[in-house]
PDB file of N, CA and C in Angstrom:
ATOM      1  N   MET A   1      27.286  23.996-106.261  1.00  0.00           N
ATOM      2  CA  MET A   1      28.716  23.805-106.085  1.00  0.00           C
ATOM      3  C   MET A   1      28.968  22.922-104.880  1.00  0.00           C
ATOM      4  N   SER A   2      30.086  22.243-104.926  1.00  0.00           N
ATOM      5  CA  SER A   2      30.449  21.398-103.798  1.00  0.00           C
ATOM      6  C   SER A   2      30.997  22.258-102.664  1.00  0.00           C
ATOM      7  N   GLU A   3      31.077  21.668-101.494  1.00  0.00           N
ATOM      8  CA  GLU A   3      31.604  22.384-100.333  1.00  0.00           C
ATOM      9  C   GLU A   3      33.044  22.838-100.587  1.00  0.00           C
ATOM     10  N   THR A   4      33.833  21.979-101.222  1.00  0.00           N
ATOM     11  CA  THR A   4      35.224  22.320-101.531  1.00  0.00           C
ATOM     12  C   THR A   4      35.277  23.518-102.473  1.00  0.00           C
ATOM     13  N   SER A   5      34.436  23.527-103.477  1.00  0.00           N
ATOM     14  CA  SER A   5      34.403  24.645-104.423  1.00  0.00           C
ATOM     15  C   SER A   5      33.977  25.934-103.725  1.00  0.00           C
ATOM     16  N   ASP A   6      32.987  25.837-102.858  1.00  0.00           N
ATOM     17  CA  ASP A   6      32.540  27.002-102.101  1.00  0.00           C
ATOM     18  C   ASP A   6      33.666  27.553-101.234  1.00  0.00           C
ATOM     19  N   GLN A   7      34.409  26.662-100.589  1.00  0.00           N
ATOM     20  CA  GLN A   7      35.533  27.085 -99.753  1.00  0.00           C
ATOM     21  C   GLN A   7      36.591  27.797-100.592  1.00  0.00           C
ATOM     22  N   MET A   8      36.903  27.230-101.744  1.00  0.00           N
ATOM     23  CA  MET A   8      37.924  27.810-102.608  1.00  0.00           C
ATOM     24  C   MET A   8      37.495  29.190-103.098  1.00  0.00           C
ATOM     25  N   VAL A   9      36.244  29.328-103.510  1.00  0.00           N
ATOM     26  CA  VAL A   9      35.740  30.622-103.972  1.00  0.00           C
ATOM     27  C   VAL A   9      35.822  31.648-102.848  1.00  0.00           C
ATOM     28  N   SER A  10      35.457  31.256-101.662  1.00  0.00           N
ATOM     29  CA  SER A  10      35.510  32.157-100.519  1.00  0.00           C
ATOM     30  C   SER A  10      36.941  32.625-100.245  1.00  0.00           C
ATOM     31  N   VAL A  11      37.880  31.700-100.269  1.00  0.00           N
ATOM     32  CA  VAL A  11      39.282  32.031-100.038  1.00  0.00           C
ATOM     33  C   VAL A  11      39.790  32.968-101.133  1.00  0.00           C
ATOM     34  N   LEU A  12      39.473  32.672-102.369  1.00  0.00           N
ATOM     35  CA  LEU A  12      39.929  33.502-103.480  1.00  0.00           C
ATOM     36  C   LEU A  12      39.330  34.909-103.427  1.00  0.00           C
ATOM     37  N   GLN A  13      38.086  35.018-102.996  1.00  0.00           N
ATOM     38  CA  GLN A  13      37.468  36.334-102.848  1.00  0.00           C
ATOM     39  C   GLN A  13      38.182  37.143-101.771  1.00  0.00           C
ATOM     40  N   GLU A  14      38.509  36.505-100.663  1.00  0.00           N
ATOM     41  CA  GLU A  14      39.206  37.206 -99.594  1.00  0.00           C
ATOM     42  C   GLU A  14      40.596  37.634-100.050  1.00  0.00           C
ATOM     43  N   ILE A  15      41.279  36.776-100.786  1.00  0.00           N
ATOM     44  CA  ILE A  15      42.599  37.130-101.317  1.00  0.00           C
ATOM     45  C   ILE A  15      42.486  38.351-102.221  1.00  0.00           C
ATOM     46  N   SER A  16      41.470  38.386-103.049  1.00  0.00           N
ATOM     47  CA  SER A  16      41.270  39.511-103.952  1.00  0.00           C
ATOM     48  C   SER A  16      41.104  40.822-103.183  1.00  0.00           C
ATOM     49  N   VAL A  17      40.307  40.802-102.140  1.00  0.00           N
ATOM     50  CA  VAL A  17      40.093  42.001-101.324  1.00  0.00           C
ATOM     51  C   VAL A  17      41.405  42.427-100.660  1.00  0.00           C
ATOM     52  N   LEU A  18      42.124  41.469-100.105  1.00  0.00           N
ATOM     53  CA  LEU A  18      43.390  41.790 -99.448  1.00  0.00           C
ATOM     54  C   LEU A  18      44.398  42.369-100.438  1.00  0.00           C
ATOM     55  N   LYS A  19      44.435  41.849-101.633  1.00  0.00           N
ATOM     56  CA  LYS A  19      45.360  42.368-102.644  1.00  0.00           C
ATOM     57  C   LYS A  19      44.986  43.785-103.052  1.00  0.00           C
ATOM     58  N   GLN A  20      43.703  44.095-103.132  1.00  0.00           N
ATOM     59  CA  GLN A  20      43.280  45.459-103.427  1.00  0.00           C
ATOM     60  C   GLN A  20      43.739  46.410-102.321  1.00  0.00           C
ATOM     61  N   LEU A  21      43.587  45.986-101.081  1.00  0.00           N
ATOM     62  CA  LEU A  21      44.032  46.805 -99.962  1.00  0.00           C
ATOM     63  C   LEU A  21      45.548  46.997 -99.989  1.00  0.00           C
ATOM     64  N   GLU A  22      46.273  45.969-100.386  1.00  0.00           N
ATOM     65  CA  GLU A  22      47.733  46.069-100.494  1.00  0.00           C
ATOM     66  C   GLU A  22      48.127  47.050-101.598  1.00  0.00           C
ATOM     67  N   ASP A  23      47.388  47.060-102.696  1.00  0.00           N
ATOM     68  CA  ASP A  23      47.658  48.023-103.770  1.00  0.00           C
ATOM     69  C   ASP A  23      47.479  49.455-103.263  1.00  0.00           C
ATOM     70  N   GLU A  24      46.414  49.683-102.500  1.00  0.00           N
ATOM     71  CA  GLU A  24      46.173  50.999-101.923  1.00  0.00           C
ATOM     72  C   GLU A  24      47.285  51.357-100.937  1.00  0.00           C
ATOM     73  N   TYR A  25      47.725  50.398-100.148  1.00  0.00           N
ATOM     74  CA  TYR A  25      48.799  50.619 -99.183  1.00  0.00           C
ATOM     75  C   TYR A  25      50.081  51.041 -99.907  1.00  0.00           C
ATOM     76  N   ALA A  26      50.371  50.405-101.027  1.00  0.00           N
ATOM     77  CA  ALA A  26      51.599  50.685-101.771  1.00  0.00           C
ATOM     78  C   ALA A  26      51.615  52.120-102.298  1.00  0.00           C
ATOM     79  N   LYS A  27      50.458  52.698-102.535  1.00  0.00           N
ATOM     80  CA  LYS A  27      50.360  54.046-103.092  1.00  0.00           C
ATOM     81  C   LYS A  27      50.349  55.140-102.028  1.00  0.00           C
ATOM     82  N   GLY A  28      49.963  54.811-100.812  1.00  0.00           N
ATOM     83  CA  GLY A  28      49.693  55.838 -99.811  1.00  0.00           C
ATOM     84  C   GLY A  28      50.810  56.072 -98.810  1.00  0.00           C
ATOM     85  N   VAL A  29      50.536  57.032 -97.937  1.00  0.00           N
ATOM     86  CA  VAL A  29      51.436  57.343 -96.826  1.00  0.00           C
ATOM     87  C   VAL A  29      51.308  56.224 -95.800  1.00  0.00           C
ATOM     88  N   LYS A  30      52.434  55.867 -95.185  1.00  0.00           N
ATOM     89  CA  LYS A  30      52.443  54.723 -94.284  1.00  0.00           C
ATOM     90  C   LYS A  30      52.728  55.157 -92.849  1.00  0.00           C
ATOM     91  N   GLY A  31      51.663  55.319 -92.084  1.00  0.00           N
ATOM     92  CA  GLY A  31      51.801  55.571 -90.659  1.00  0.00           C
ATOM     93  C   GLY A  31      51.872  54.242 -89.921  1.00  0.00           C
ATOM     94  N   SER A  32      51.958  54.315 -88.617  1.00  0.00           N
ATOM     95  CA  SER A  32      52.116  53.089 -87.827  1.00  0.00           C
ATOM     96  C   SER A  32      50.906  52.160 -87.964  1.00  0.00           C
ATOM     97  N   GLN A  33      49.705  52.725 -88.041  1.00  0.00           N
ATOM     98  CA  GLN A  33      48.516  51.881 -88.187  1.00  0.00           C
ATOM     99  C   GLN A  33      48.494  51.211 -89.549  1.00  0.00           C
ATOM    100  N   GLU A  34      48.876  51.924 -90.590  1.00  0.00           N
ATOM    101  CA  GLU A  34      48.910  51.349 -91.933  1.00  0.00           C
ATOM    102  C   GLU A  34      49.925  50.216 -92.012  1.00  0.00           C
ATOM    103  N   VAL A  35      51.059  50.398 -91.364  1.00  0.00           N
ATOM    104  CA  VAL A  35      52.083  49.350 -91.358  1.00  0.00           C
ATOM    105  C   VAL A  35      51.565  48.118 -90.608  1.00  0.00           C
ATOM    106  N   ALA A  36      50.922  48.337 -89.477  1.00  0.00           N
ATOM    107  CA  ALA A  36      50.363  47.218 -88.704  1.00  0.00           C
ATOM    108  C   ALA A  36      49.293  46.492 -89.517  1.00  0.00           C
ATOM    109  N   ASP A  37      48.447  47.244 -90.216  1.00  0.00           N
ATOM    110  CA  ASP A  37      47.417  46.634 -91.060  1.00  0.00           C
ATOM    111  C   ASP A  37      48.052  45.827 -92.184  1.00  0.00           C
ATOM    112  N   HIS A  38      49.108  46.380 -92.779  1.00  0.00           N
ATOM    113  CA  HIS A  38      49.827  45.690 -93.849  1.00  0.00           C
ATOM    114  C   HIS A  38      50.383  44.353 -93.340  1.00  0.00           C
ATOM    115  N   GLU A  39      50.996  44.365 -92.173  1.00  0.00           N
ATOM    116  CA  GLU A  39      51.554  43.132 -91.602  1.00  0.00           C
ATOM    117  C   GLU A  39      50.463  42.120 -91.317  1.00  0.00           C
ATOM    118  N   SER A  40      49.331  42.593 -90.842  1.00  0.00           N
ATOM    119  CA  SER A  40      48.193  41.709 -90.575  1.00  0.00           C
ATOM    120  C   SER A  40      47.676  41.090 -91.875  1.00  0.00           C
ATOM    121  N   ARG A  41      47.569  41.902 -92.913  1.00  0.00           N
ATOM    122  CA  ARG A  41      47.119  41.380 -94.209  1.00  0.00           C
ATOM    123  C   ARG A  41      48.112  40.357 -94.749  1.00  0.00           C
ATOM    124  N   HIS A  42      49.392  40.637 -94.585  1.00  0.00           N
ATOM    125  CA  HIS A  42      50.418  39.710 -95.059  1.00  0.00           C
ATOM    126  C   HIS A  42      50.282  38.351 -94.361  1.00  0.00           C
ATOM    127  N   ARG A  43      50.090  38.373 -93.049  1.00  0.00           N
ATOM    128  CA  ARG A  43      49.896  37.116 -92.306  1.00  0.00           C
ATOM    129  C   ARG A  43      48.643  36.394 -92.788  1.00  0.00           C
ATOM    130  N   ARG A  44      47.580  37.138 -93.023  1.00  0.00           N
ATOM    131  CA  ARG A  44      46.329  36.526 -93.473  1.00  0.00           C
ATOM    132  C   ARG A  44      46.498  35.920 -94.866  1.00  0.00           C
ATOM    133  N   LEU A  45      47.230  36.593 -95.748  1.00  0.00           N
ATOM    134  CA  LEU A  45      47.482  36.034 -97.076  1.00  0.00           C
ATOM    135  C   LEU A  45      48.246  34.720 -96.976  1.00  0.00           C
ATOM    136  N   GLU A  46      49.189  34.639 -96.049  1.00  0.00           N
ATOM    137  CA  GLU A  46      49.917  33.383 -95.840  1.00  0.00           C
ATOM    138  C   GLU A  46      48.973  32.290 -95.353  1.00  0.00           C
ATOM    139  N   GLU A  47      48.084  32.639 -94.428  1.00  0.00           N
ATOM    140  CA  GLU A  47      47.108  31.662 -93.935  1.00  0.00           C
ATOM    141  C   GLU A  47      46.204  31.183 -95.067  1.00  0.00           C
ATOM    142  N   LEU A  48      45.776  32.102 -95.912  1.00  0.00           N
ATOM    143  CA  LEU A  48      44.893  31.740 -97.017  1.00  0.00           C
ATOM    144  C   LEU A  48      45.607  30.848 -98.028  1.00  0.00           C
ATOM    145  N   THR A  49      46.884  31.102 -98.262  1.00  0.00           N
ATOM    146  CA  THR A  49      47.668  30.251 -99.150  1.00  0.00           C
ATOM    147  C   THR A  49      47.711  28.830 -98.602  1.00  0.00           C
ATOM    148  N   GLN A  50      47.925  28.701 -97.296  1.00  0.00           N
ATOM    149  CA  GLN A  50      47.928  27.385 -96.670  1.00  0.00           C
ATOM    150  C   GLN A  50      46.552  26.732 -96.774  1.00  0.00           C
ATOM    151  N   GLU A  51      45.506  27.524 -96.634  1.00  0.00           N
ATOM    152  CA  GLU A  51      44.143  26.999 -96.738  1.00  0.00           C
ATOM    153  C   GLU A  51      43.889  26.457 -98.143  1.00  0.00           C
ATOM    154  N   ILE A  52      44.368  27.163 -99.168  1.00  0.00           N
ATOM    155  CA  ILE A  52      44.215  26.675-100.540  1.00  0.00           C
ATOM    156  C   ILE A  52      44.898  25.321-100.692  1.00  0.00           C
ATOM    157  N   HIS A  53      46.082  25.186-100.124  1.00  0.00           N
ATOM    158  CA  HIS A  53      46.792  23.904-100.203  1.00  0.00           C
ATOM    159  C   HIS A  53      46.020  22.800 -99.487  1.00  0.00           C
ATOM    160  N   ARG A  54      45.440  23.118 -98.322  1.00  0.00           N
ATOM    161  CA  ARG A  54      44.646  22.122 -97.591  1.00  0.00           C
ATOM    162  C   ARG A  54      43.421  21.700 -98.399  1.00  0.00           C
ATOM    163  N   ILE A  55      42.761  22.670 -99.018  1.00  0.00           N
ATOM    164  CA  ILE A  55      41.577  22.357 -99.816  1.00  0.00           C
ATOM    165  C   ILE A  55      41.970  21.467-100.995  1.00  0.00           C
ATOM    166  N   ALA A  56      43.069  21.799-101.652  1.00  0.00           N
ATOM    167  CA  ALA A  56      43.521  21.004-102.795  1.00  0.00           C
ATOM    168  C   ALA A  56      43.866  19.582-102.365  1.00  0.00           C
ATOM    169  N   GLU A  57      44.559  19.439-101.256  1.00  0.00           N
ATOM    170  CA  GLU A  57      44.887  18.103-100.753  1.00  0.00           C
ATOM    171  C   GLU A  57      43.641  17.318-100.414  1.00  0.00           C
ATOM    172  N   SER A  58      42.694  17.971 -99.778  1.00  0.00           N
ATOM    173  CA  SER A  58      41.426  17.323 -99.417  1.00  0.00           C
ATOM    174  C   SER A  58      40.703  16.837-100.671  1.00  0.00           C
ATOM    175  N   LYS A  59      40.711  17.672-101.704  1.00  0.00           N
ATOM    176  CA  LYS A  59      40.033  17.299-102.944  1.00  0.00           C
ATOM    177  C   LYS A  59      40.736  16.102-103.586  1.00  0.00           C
ATOM    178  N   LYS A  60      42.065  16.095-103.570  1.00  0.00           N
ATOM    179  CA  LYS A  60      42.809  14.960-104.119  1.00  0.00           C
ATOM    180  C   LYS A  60      42.472  13.684-103.381  1.00  0.00           C
ATOM    181  N   GLU A  61      42.427  13.760-102.041  1.00  0.00           N
ATOM    182  CA  GLU A  61      42.126  12.586-101.226  1.00  0.00           C
ATOM    183  C   GLU A  61      40.715  12.082-101.514  1.00  0.00           C
ATOM    184  N   ASN A  62      39.776  12.994-101.677  1.00  0.00           N
ATOM    185  CA  ASN A  62      38.384  12.598-101.968  1.00  0.00           C
ATOM    186  C   ASN A  62      38.255  11.974-103.340  1.00  0.00           C
ATOM    187  N   GLN A  63      39.032  12.438-104.313  1.00  0.00           N
ATOM    188  CA  GLN A  63      38.964  11.870-105.651  1.00  0.00           C
ATOM    189  C   GLN A  63      39.576  10.479-105.715  1.00  0.00           C
ATOM    190  N   SER A  64      40.595  10.226-104.902  1.00  0.00           N
ATOM    191  CA  SER A  64      41.238   8.913-104.933  1.00  0.00           C
ATOM    192  C   SER A  64      40.527   7.893-104.048  1.00  0.00           C
ATOM    193  N   ALA A  65      39.575   8.348-103.259  1.00  0.00           N
ATOM    194  CA  ALA A  65      38.851   7.427-102.365  1.00  0.00           C
ATOM    195  C   ALA A  65      37.734   6.708-103.087  1.00  0.00           C
TER     196      ALA A  65
END
């Protein structure tokens, strides 16, 4: 696999894990630590979304070069 593909797979795997944790959070009791963890996961999901966009842009630029 190319470096770009490896990066994308890595990002998607992390998103999958974070989404599983969010599903568990939605079902459980929410103490202060759980809420803080949820907020941290939410920020990380936003970062990963931006990373996917960067990877896609990079791939587009490499294909047009």
